[in-house]
All heavy atoms as atom14 arrays in JSON, in Angstrom:
{
  "sequence": "YLGYPFSISENFQMRNTHKTIAQSVLILDDILNIATKSNK",
  "atom14_mask": [
    [1, 1, 1, 1, 1, 1, 1, 1, 1, 1, 1, 1, 0, 0],
    [1, 1, 1, 1, 1, 1, 1, 1, 0, 0, 0, 0, 0, 0],
    [1, 1, 1, 1, 0, 0, 0, 0, 0, 0, 0, 0, 0, 0],
    [1, 1, 1, 1, 1, 1, 1, 1, 1, 1, 1, 1, 0, 0],
    [1, 1, 1, 1, 1, 1, 1, 0, 0, 0, 0, 0, 0, 0],
    [1, 1, 1, 1, 1, 1, 1, 1, 1, 1, 1, 0, 0, 0],
    [1, 1, 1, 1, 1, 1, 0, 0, 0, 0, 0, 0, 0, 0],
    [1, 1, 1, 1, 1, 1, 1, 1, 0, 0, 0, 0, 0, 0],
    [1, 1, 1, 1, 1, 1, 0, 0, 0, 0, 0, 0, 0, 0],
    [1, 1, 1, 1, 1, 1, 1, 1, 1, 0, 0, 0, 0, 0],
    [1, 1, 1, 1, 1, 1, 1, 1, 0, 0, 0, 0, 0, 0],
    [1, 1, 1, 1, 1, 1, 1, 1, 1, 1, 1, 0, 0, 0],
    [1, 1, 1, 1, 1, 1, 1, 1, 1, 0, 0, 0, 0, 0],
    [1, 1, 1, 1, 1, 1, 1, 1, 0, 0, 0, 0, 0, 0],
    [1, 1, 1, 1, 1, 1, 1, 1, 1, 1, 1, 0, 0, 0],
    [1, 1, 1, 1, 1, 1, 1, 1, 0, 0, 0, 0, 0, 0],
    [1, 1, 1, 1, 1, 1, 1, 0, 0, 0, 0, 0, 0, 0],
    [1, 1, 1, 1, 1, 1, 1, 1, 1, 1, 0, 0, 0, 0],
    [1, 1, 1, 1, 1, 1, 1, 1, 1, 0, 0, 0, 0, 0],
    [1, 1, 1, 1, 1, 1, 1, 0, 0, 0, 0, 0, 0, 0],
    [1, 1, 1, 1, 1, 1, 1, 1, 0, 0, 0, 0, 0, 0],
    [1, 1, 1, 1, 1, 0, 0, 0, 0, 0, 0, 0, 0, 0],
    [1, 1, 1, 1, 1, 1, 1, 1, 1, 0, 0, 0, 0, 0],
    [1, 1, 1, 1, 1, 1, 0, 0, 0, 0, 0, 0, 0, 0],
    [1, 1, 1, 1, 1, 1, 1, 0, 0, 0, 0, 0, 0, 0],
    [1, 1, 1, 1, 1, 1, 1, 1, 0, 0, 0, 0, 0, 0],
    [1, 1, 1, 1, 1, 1, 1, 1, 0, 0, 0, 0, 0, 0],
    [1, 1, 1, 1, 1, 1, 1, 1, 0, 0, 0, 0, 0, 0],
    [1, 1, 1, 1, 1, 1, 1, 1, 0, 0, 0, 0, 0, 0],
    [1, 1, 1, 1, 1, 1, 1, 1, 0, 0, 0, 0, 0, 0],
    [1, 1, 1, 1, 1, 1, 1, 1, 0, 0, 0, 0, 0, 0],
    [1, 1, 1, 1, 1, 1, 1, 1, 0, 0, 0, 0, 0, 0],
    [1, 1, 1, 1, 1, 1, 1, 1, 0, 0, 0, 0, 0, 0],
    [1, 1, 1, 1, 1, 1, 1, 1, 0, 0, 0, 0, 0, 0],
    [1, 1, 1, 1, 1, 0, 0, 0, 0, 0, 0, 0, 0, 0],
    [1, 1, 1, 1, 1, 1, 1, 0, 0, 0, 0, 0, 0, 0],
    [1, 1, 1, 1, 1, 1, 1, 1, 1, 0, 0, 0, 0, 0],
    [1, 1, 1, 1, 1, 1, 0, 0, 0, 0, 0, 0, 0, 0],
    [1, 1, 1, 1, 1, 1, 1, 1, 0, 0, 0, 0, 0, 0],
    [1, 1, 1, 1, 1, 1, 1, 1, 1, 0, 0, 0, 0, 0]
  ],
  "atom14_positions": [
    [[104.54, 132.09, 64.08], [105.76, 132.86, 64.26], [106.53, 133.03, 62.95], [106.66, 132.09, 62.17], [106.7, 132.18, 65.26], [106.14, 132.0, 66.64], [105.7, 130.75, 67.07], [106.04, 133.07, 67.53], [105.18, 130.57, 68.34], [105.52, 132.9, 68.8], [105.09, 131.66, 69.2], [104.58, 131.47, 70.45], [0.0, 0.0, 0.0], [0.0, 0.0, 0.0]],
    [[107.06, 134.23, 62.75], [108.0, 134.51, 61.67], [109.38, 134.65, 62.3], [109.58, 135.5, 63.17], [107.63, 135.8, 60.93], [106.21, 135.91, 60.37], [106.04, 137.26, 59.67], [105.89, 134.76, 59.43], [0.0, 0.0, 0.0], [0.0, 0.0, 0.0], [0.0, 0.0, 0.0], [0.0, 0.0, 0.0], [0.0, 0.0, 0.0], [0.0, 0.0, 0.0]],
    [[110.3, 133.79, 61.89], [111.65, 133.87, 62.43], [112.56, 134.64, 61.49], [112.58, 134.37, 60.28], [0.0, 0.0, 0.0], [0.0, 0.0, 0.0], [0.0, 0.0, 0.0], [0.0, 0.0, 0.0], [0.0, 0.0, 0.0], [0.0, 0.0, 0.0], [0.0, 0.0, 0.0], [0.0, 0.0, 0.0], [0.0, 0.0, 0.0], [0.0, 0.0, 0.0]],
    [[113.31, 135.59, 62.04], [114.2, 136.4, 61.19], [115.63, 136.3, 61.71], [115.91, 136.65, 62.87], [113.76, 137.86, 61.18], [114.65, 138.74, 60.31], [114.69, 138.55, 58.93], [115.46, 139.73, 60.86], [115.51, 139.33, 58.12], [116.28, 140.52, 60.06], [116.31, 140.32, 58.7], [117.12, 141.09, 57.9], [0.0, 0.0, 0.0], [0.0, 0.0, 0.0]],
    [[116.57, 135.81, 60.87], [117.96, 135.72, 61.29], [118.65, 137.08, 61.19], [118.86, 137.6, 60.1], [118.57, 134.72, 60.29], [117.71, 134.83, 59.07], [116.34, 135.25, 59.52], [0.0, 0.0, 0.0], [0.0, 0.0, 0.0], [0.0, 0.0, 0.0], [0.0, 0.0, 0.0], [0.0, 0.0, 0.0], [0.0, 0.0, 0.0], [0.0, 0.0, 0.0]],
    [[118.95, 137.65, 62.34], [119.57, 138.98, 62.39], [120.96, 138.82, 63.0], [121.11, 138.55, 64.19], [118.73, 139.93, 63.24], [119.26, 141.34, 63.27], [118.82, 142.28, 62.34], [120.2, 141.72, 64.21], [119.33, 143.57, 62.35], [120.71, 143.01, 64.23], [120.27, 143.94, 63.3], [0.0, 0.0, 0.0], [0.0, 0.0, 0.0], [0.0, 0.0, 0.0]],
    [[121.97, 138.98, 62.18], [123.32, 138.73, 62.66], [124.01, 140.01, 63.12], [123.88, 141.07, 62.48], [124.18, 138.07, 61.58], [125.47, 137.79, 62.1], [0.0, 0.0, 0.0], [0.0, 0.0, 0.0], [0.0, 0.0, 0.0], [0.0, 0.0, 0.0], [0.0, 0.0, 0.0], [0.0, 0.0, 0.0], [0.0, 0.0, 0.0], [0.0, 0.0, 0.0]],
    [[124.75, 139.9, 64.21], [125.55, 141.05, 64.66], [126.95, 140.99, 64.05], [127.81, 141.81, 64.37], [125.62, 141.13, 66.19], [126.22, 139.85, 66.79], [124.24, 141.37, 66.77], [126.39, 139.92, 68.3], [0.0, 0.0, 0.0], [0.0, 0.0, 0.0], [0.0, 0.0, 0.0], [0.0, 0.0, 0.0], [0.0, 0.0, 0.0], [0.0, 0.0, 0.0]],
    [[127.14, 140.02, 63.14], [128.36, 139.95, 62.34], [128.03, 140.45, 60.93], [127.19, 139.86, 60.24], [128.88, 138.51, 62.29], [129.68, 138.3, 61.13], [0.0, 0.0, 0.0], [0.0, 0.0, 0.0], [0.0, 0.0, 0.0], [0.0, 0.0, 0.0], [0.0, 0.0, 0.0], [0.0, 0.0, 0.0], [0.0, 0.0, 0.0], [0.0, 0.0, 0.0]],
    [[128.65, 141.53, 60.52], [128.39, 142.09, 59.19], [128.69, 141.06, 58.1], [127.92, 140.89, 57.15], [129.24, 143.34, 58.97], [128.89, 144.13, 57.72], [127.71, 145.07, 57.94], [127.83, 146.02, 58.74], [126.66, 144.83, 57.31], [0.0, 0.0, 0.0], [0.0, 0.0, 0.0], [0.0, 0.0, 0.0], [0.0, 0.0, 0.0], [0.0, 0.0, 0.0]],
    [[129.8, 140.36, 58.23], [130.17, 139.36, 57.23], [129.12, 138.27, 57.12], [128.73, 137.87, 56.01], [131.52, 138.72, 57.6], [132.7, 139.5, 57.05], [132.88, 139.6, 55.85], [133.49, 140.07, 57.95], [0.0, 0.0, 0.0], [0.0, 0.0, 0.0], [0.0, 0.0, 0.0], [0.0, 0.0, 0.0], [0.0, 0.0, 0.0], [0.0, 0.0, 0.0]],
    [[128.64, 137.79, 58.27], [127.68, 136.69, 58.23], [126.32, 137.16, 57.73], [125.62, 136.42, 57.04], [127.54, 136.03, 59.6], [126.67, 134.81, 59.55], [127.08, 133.68, 58.85], [125.44, 134.78, 60.18], [126.29, 132.55, 58.79], [124.63, 133.64, 60.12], [125.07, 132.53, 59.43], [0.0, 0.0, 0.0], [0.0, 0.0, 0.0], [0.0, 0.0, 0.0]],
    [[125.93, 138.39, 58.06], [124.64, 138.87, 57.57], [124.66, 138.97, 56.04], [123.68, 138.61, 55.38], [124.32, 140.24, 58.2], [122.88, 140.7, 57.98], [121.87, 139.82, 58.72], [122.22, 139.08, 59.62], [120.62, 139.9, 58.33], [0.0, 0.0, 0.0], [0.0, 0.0, 0.0], [0.0, 0.0, 0.0], [0.0, 0.0, 0.0], [0.0, 0.0, 0.0]],
    [[125.77, 139.43, 55.5], [125.89, 139.48, 54.04], [125.88, 138.07, 53.45], [125.23, 137.81, 52.43], [127.2, 140.18, 53.65], [127.18, 141.69, 53.85], [126.01, 142.54, 52.74], [126.72, 142.16, 51.14], [0.0, 0.0, 0.0], [0.0, 0.0, 0.0], [0.0, 0.0, 0.0], [0.0, 0.0, 0.0], [0.0, 0.0, 0.0], [0.0, 0.0, 0.0]],
    [[126.56, 137.17, 54.1], [126.65, 135.79, 53.63], [125.29, 135.1, 53.7], [124.93, 134.31, 52.83], [127.68, 135.07, 54.5], [128.09, 133.69, 54.06], [129.18, 133.18, 55.01], [129.52, 131.81, 54.7], [130.75, 131.37, 54.5], [131.76, 132.2, 54.53], [130.98, 130.1, 54.25], [0.0, 0.0, 0.0], [0.0, 0.0, 0.0], [0.0, 0.0, 0.0]],
    [[124.53, 135.41, 54.73], [123.28, 134.71, 55.0], [122.1, 135.31, 54.24], [121.25, 134.58, 53.74], [122.99, 134.72, 56.51], [122.03, 133.64, 56.94], [121.94, 132.59, 56.32], [121.3, 133.9, 57.99], [0.0, 0.0, 0.0], [0.0, 0.0, 0.0], [0.0, 0.0, 0.0], [0.0, 0.0, 0.0], [0.0, 0.0, 0.0], [0.0, 0.0, 0.0]],
    [[122.03, 136.64, 54.18], [120.86, 137.29, 53.56], [121.23, 138.29, 52.46], [120.35, 138.92, 51.89], [120.03, 138.03, 54.63], [120.81, 139.11, 55.17], [119.61, 137.11, 55.76], [0.0, 0.0, 0.0], [0.0, 0.0, 0.0], [0.0, 0.0, 0.0], [0.0, 0.0, 0.0], [0.0, 0.0, 0.0], [0.0, 0.0, 0.0], [0.0, 0.0, 0.0]],
    [[122.53, 138.45, 52.19], [123.0, 139.39, 51.16], [122.58, 140.83, 51.49], [122.32, 141.63, 50.58], [122.51, 138.98, 49.77], [122.89, 137.59, 49.39], [124.19, 137.19, 49.18], [122.12, 136.48, 49.22], [124.21, 135.91, 48.88], [122.98, 135.45, 48.9], [0.0, 0.0, 0.0], [0.0, 0.0, 0.0], [0.0, 0.0, 0.0], [0.0, 0.0, 0.0]],
    [[122.52, 141.14, 52.76], [122.17, 142.49, 53.2], [123.15, 142.91, 54.29], [123.67, 142.09, 55.05], [120.75, 142.54, 53.77], [119.66, 142.25, 52.74], [119.52, 143.36, 51.73], [118.34, 143.17, 50.78], [118.51, 142.02, 49.88], [0.0, 0.0, 0.0], [0.0, 0.0, 0.0], [0.0, 0.0, 0.0], [0.0, 0.0, 0.0], [0.0, 0.0, 0.0]],
    [[123.38, 144.22, 54.38], [124.19, 144.74, 55.48], [123.34, 144.74, 56.75], [122.11, 144.58, 56.7], [124.65, 146.17, 55.19], [123.5, 147.03, 55.12], [125.42, 146.26, 53.88], [0.0, 0.0, 0.0], [0.0, 0.0, 0.0], [0.0, 0.0, 0.0], [0.0, 0.0, 0.0], [0.0, 0.0, 0.0], [0.0, 0.0, 0.0], [0.0, 0.0, 0.0]],
    [[123.99, 144.97, 57.88], [123.24, 145.06, 59.13], [122.28, 146.24, 59.08], [121.12, 146.14, 59.51], [124.2, 145.18, 60.34], [124.92, 143.84, 60.56], [123.46, 145.6, 61.59], [125.94, 143.85, 61.68], [0.0, 0.0, 0.0], [0.0, 0.0, 0.0], [0.0, 0.0, 0.0], [0.0, 0.0, 0.0], [0.0, 0.0, 0.0], [0.0, 0.0, 0.0]],
    [[122.73, 147.36, 58.53], [121.86, 148.55, 58.44], [120.62, 148.25, 57.6], [119.5, 148.64, 57.95], [122.64, 149.73, 57.86], [0.0, 0.0, 0.0], [0.0, 0.0, 0.0], [0.0, 0.0, 0.0], [0.0, 0.0, 0.0], [0.0, 0.0, 0.0], [0.0, 0.0, 0.0], [0.0, 0.0, 0.0], [0.0, 0.0, 0.0], [0.0, 0.0, 0.0]],
    [[120.81, 147.57, 56.47], [119.67, 147.19, 55.63], [118.76, 146.2, 56.37], [117.53, 146.25, 56.26], [120.17, 146.56, 54.33], [120.83, 147.53, 53.38], [121.5, 146.82, 52.21], [122.1, 145.75, 52.38], [121.39, 147.4, 51.02], [0.0, 0.0, 0.0], [0.0, 0.0, 0.0], [0.0, 0.0, 0.0], [0.0, 0.0, 0.0], [0.0, 0.0, 0.0]],
    [[119.37, 145.32, 57.15], [118.6, 144.31, 57.86], [117.72, 144.91, 58.95], [116.64, 144.37, 59.25], [119.55, 143.27, 58.46], [120.28, 142.62, 57.44], [0.0, 0.0, 0.0], [0.0, 0.0, 0.0], [0.0, 0.0, 0.0], [0.0, 0.0, 0.0], [0.0, 0.0, 0.0], [0.0, 0.0, 0.0], [0.0, 0.0, 0.0], [0.0, 0.0, 0.0]],
    [[118.16, 145.99, 59.54], [117.33, 146.68, 60.53], [116.03, 147.17, 59.88], [114.94, 147.02, 60.44], [118.09, 147.87, 61.16], [117.16, 148.73, 62.01], [119.25, 147.37, 62.02], [0.0, 0.0, 0.0], [0.0, 0.0, 0.0], [0.0, 0.0, 0.0], [0.0, 0.0, 0.0], [0.0, 0.0, 0.0], [0.0, 0.0, 0.0], [0.0, 0.0, 0.0]],
    [[116.15, 147.73, 58.69], [114.97, 148.21, 57.97], [114.06, 147.06, 57.58], [112.83, 147.15, 57.67], [115.4, 148.99, 56.72], [116.26, 150.23, 56.97], [116.69, 150.85, 55.64], [115.52, 151.25, 57.81], [0.0, 0.0, 0.0], [0.0, 0.0, 0.0], [0.0, 0.0, 0.0], [0.0, 0.0, 0.0], [0.0, 0.0, 0.0], [0.0, 0.0, 0.0]],
    [[114.66, 145.94, 57.14], [113.87, 144.76, 56.77], [113.13, 144.22, 57.99], [111.94, 143.89, 57.92], [114.78, 143.68, 56.16], [115.3, 144.14, 54.79], [114.03, 142.35, 56.03], [116.39, 143.27, 54.23], [0.0, 0.0, 0.0], [0.0, 0.0, 0.0], [0.0, 0.0, 0.0], [0.0, 0.0, 0.0], [0.0, 0.0, 0.0], [0.0, 0.0, 0.0]],
    [[113.82, 144.15, 59.12], [113.18, 143.65, 60.34], [112.01, 144.53, 60.74], [110.96, 144.02, 61.16], [114.21, 143.58, 61.47], [113.67, 143.18, 62.85], [112.96, 141.83, 62.8], [114.79, 143.15, 63.88], [0.0, 0.0, 0.0], [0.0, 0.0, 0.0], [0.0, 0.0, 0.0], [0.0, 0.0, 0.0], [0.0, 0.0, 0.0], [0.0, 0.0, 0.0]],
    [[112.16, 145.83, 60.58], [111.06, 146.75, 60.91], [109.84, 146.46, 60.03], [108.7, 146.44, 60.51], [111.53, 148.19, 60.74], [110.55, 149.19, 61.33], [110.16, 149.01, 62.51], [110.17, 150.13, 60.63], [0.0, 0.0, 0.0], [0.0, 0.0, 0.0], [0.0, 0.0, 0.0], [0.0, 0.0, 0.0], [0.0, 0.0, 0.0], [0.0, 0.0, 0.0]],
    [[110.1, 146.22, 58.74], [109.0, 145.88, 57.83], [108.35, 144.55, 58.22], [107.13, 144.4, 58.18], [109.5, 145.8, 56.38], [109.76, 147.18, 55.78], [109.21, 148.16, 56.31], [110.5, 147.26, 54.79], [0.0, 0.0, 0.0], [0.0, 0.0, 0.0], [0.0, 0.0, 0.0], [0.0, 0.0, 0.0], [0.0, 0.0, 0.0], [0.0, 0.0, 0.0]],
    [[109.18, 143.57, 58.59], [108.66, 142.26, 58.98], [107.8, 142.38, 60.24], [106.75, 141.73, 60.35], [109.81, 141.26, 59.18], [110.47, 140.93, 57.83], [109.32, 139.98, 59.86], [111.74, 140.11, 57.93], [0.0, 0.0, 0.0], [0.0, 0.0, 0.0], [0.0, 0.0, 0.0], [0.0, 0.0, 0.0], [0.0, 0.0, 0.0], [0.0, 0.0, 0.0]],
    [[108.21, 143.21, 61.17], [107.42, 143.43, 62.39], [106.05, 144.01, 62.04], [105.02, 143.6, 62.6], [108.16, 144.36, 63.33], [109.34, 143.73, 64.1], [110.24, 144.82, 64.68], [108.84, 142.82, 65.22], [0.0, 0.0, 0.0], [0.0, 0.0, 0.0], [0.0, 0.0, 0.0], [0.0, 0.0, 0.0], [0.0, 0.0, 0.0], [0.0, 0.0, 0.0]],
    [[106.03, 144.93, 61.09], [104.74, 145.51, 60.67], [103.86, 144.48, 59.98], [102.65, 144.43, 60.22], [105.0, 146.7, 59.73], [105.58, 147.9, 60.46], [105.3, 148.12, 61.63], [106.41, 148.68, 59.77], [0.0, 0.0, 0.0], [0.0, 0.0, 0.0], [0.0, 0.0, 0.0], [0.0, 0.0, 0.0], [0.0, 0.0, 0.0], [0.0, 0.0, 0.0]],
    [[104.46, 143.66, 59.12], [103.71, 142.61, 58.43], [103.15, 141.61, 59.45], [102.0, 141.18, 59.36], [104.61, 141.89, 57.4], [104.96, 142.84, 56.26], [103.93, 140.63, 56.85], [106.09, 142.34, 55.36], [0.0, 0.0, 0.0], [0.0, 0.0, 0.0], [0.0, 0.0, 0.0], [0.0, 0.0, 0.0], [0.0, 0.0, 0.0], [0.0, 0.0, 0.0]],
    [[103.97, 141.25, 60.44], [103.55, 140.31, 61.46], [102.38, 140.86, 62.28], [101.42, 140.13, 62.58], [104.72, 139.97, 62.38], [0.0, 0.0, 0.0], [0.0, 0.0, 0.0], [0.0, 0.0, 0.0], [0.0, 0.0, 0.0], [0.0, 0.0, 0.0], [0.0, 0.0, 0.0], [0.0, 0.0, 0.0], [0.0, 0.0, 0.0], [0.0, 0.0, 0.0]],
    [[102.45, 142.14, 62.61], [101.37, 142.75, 63.39], [100.06, 142.71, 62.62], [99.0, 142.36, 63.18], [101.73, 144.21, 63.74], [102.92, 144.22, 64.54], [100.6, 144.87, 64.52], [0.0, 0.0, 0.0], [0.0, 0.0, 0.0], [0.0, 0.0, 0.0], [0.0, 0.0, 0.0], [0.0, 0.0, 0.0], [0.0, 0.0, 0.0], [0.0, 0.0, 0.0]],
    [[100.12, 143.02, 61.34], [98.9, 143.05, 60.51], [98.32, 141.65, 60.32], [97.11, 141.5, 60.13], [99.21, 143.67, 59.14], [99.51, 145.16, 59.21], [99.93, 145.68, 57.85], [100.32, 147.15, 57.92], [100.86, 147.64, 56.62], [0.0, 0.0, 0.0], [0.0, 0.0, 0.0], [0.0, 0.0, 0.0], [0.0, 0.0, 0.0], [0.0, 0.0, 0.0]],
    [[99.16, 140.62, 60.36], [98.68, 139.25, 60.13], [98.56, 138.45, 61.42], [98.42, 137.22, 61.38], [99.61, 138.53, 59.14], [100.94, 138.52, 59.61], [0.0, 0.0, 0.0], [0.0, 0.0, 0.0], [0.0, 0.0, 0.0], [0.0, 0.0, 0.0], [0.0, 0.0, 0.0], [0.0, 0.0, 0.0], [0.0, 0.0, 0.0], [0.0, 0.0, 0.0]],
    [[98.64, 139.14, 62.54], [98.44, 138.51, 63.85], [99.48, 137.42, 64.13], [99.15, 136.33, 64.59], [97.02, 137.94, 63.97], [96.63, 137.64, 65.4], [97.07, 138.32, 66.33], [95.81, 136.63, 65.61], [0.0, 0.0, 0.0], [0.0, 0.0, 0.0], [0.0, 0.0, 0.0], [0.0, 0.0, 0.0], [0.0, 0.0, 0.0], [0.0, 0.0, 0.0]],
    [[100.73, 137.73, 63.83], [101.82, 136.8, 64.1], [102.88, 137.48, 64.96], [102.9, 138.7, 65.09], [102.45, 136.32, 62.79], [101.42, 135.67, 61.87], [102.04, 134.99, 60.69], [100.98, 134.52, 59.7], [99.9, 133.73, 60.28], [0.0, 0.0, 0.0], [0.0, 0.0, 0.0], [0.0, 0.0, 0.0], [0.0, 0.0, 0.0], [0.0, 0.0, 0.0]]
  ]
}
C-alpha cells in the first residue's frame, strides 16, 4: 500500500506537503497511476 495524506484543510495541506489542495489532487492522480503500474 501507498498511503497519501490528502487534507481537506488548505492550511494543513500546505503545512504537511507544501502543496495546495488543487496541486494535491493532481499528485494523487499521478500516485494512483504509479500504484496501478506497480500492482499496489
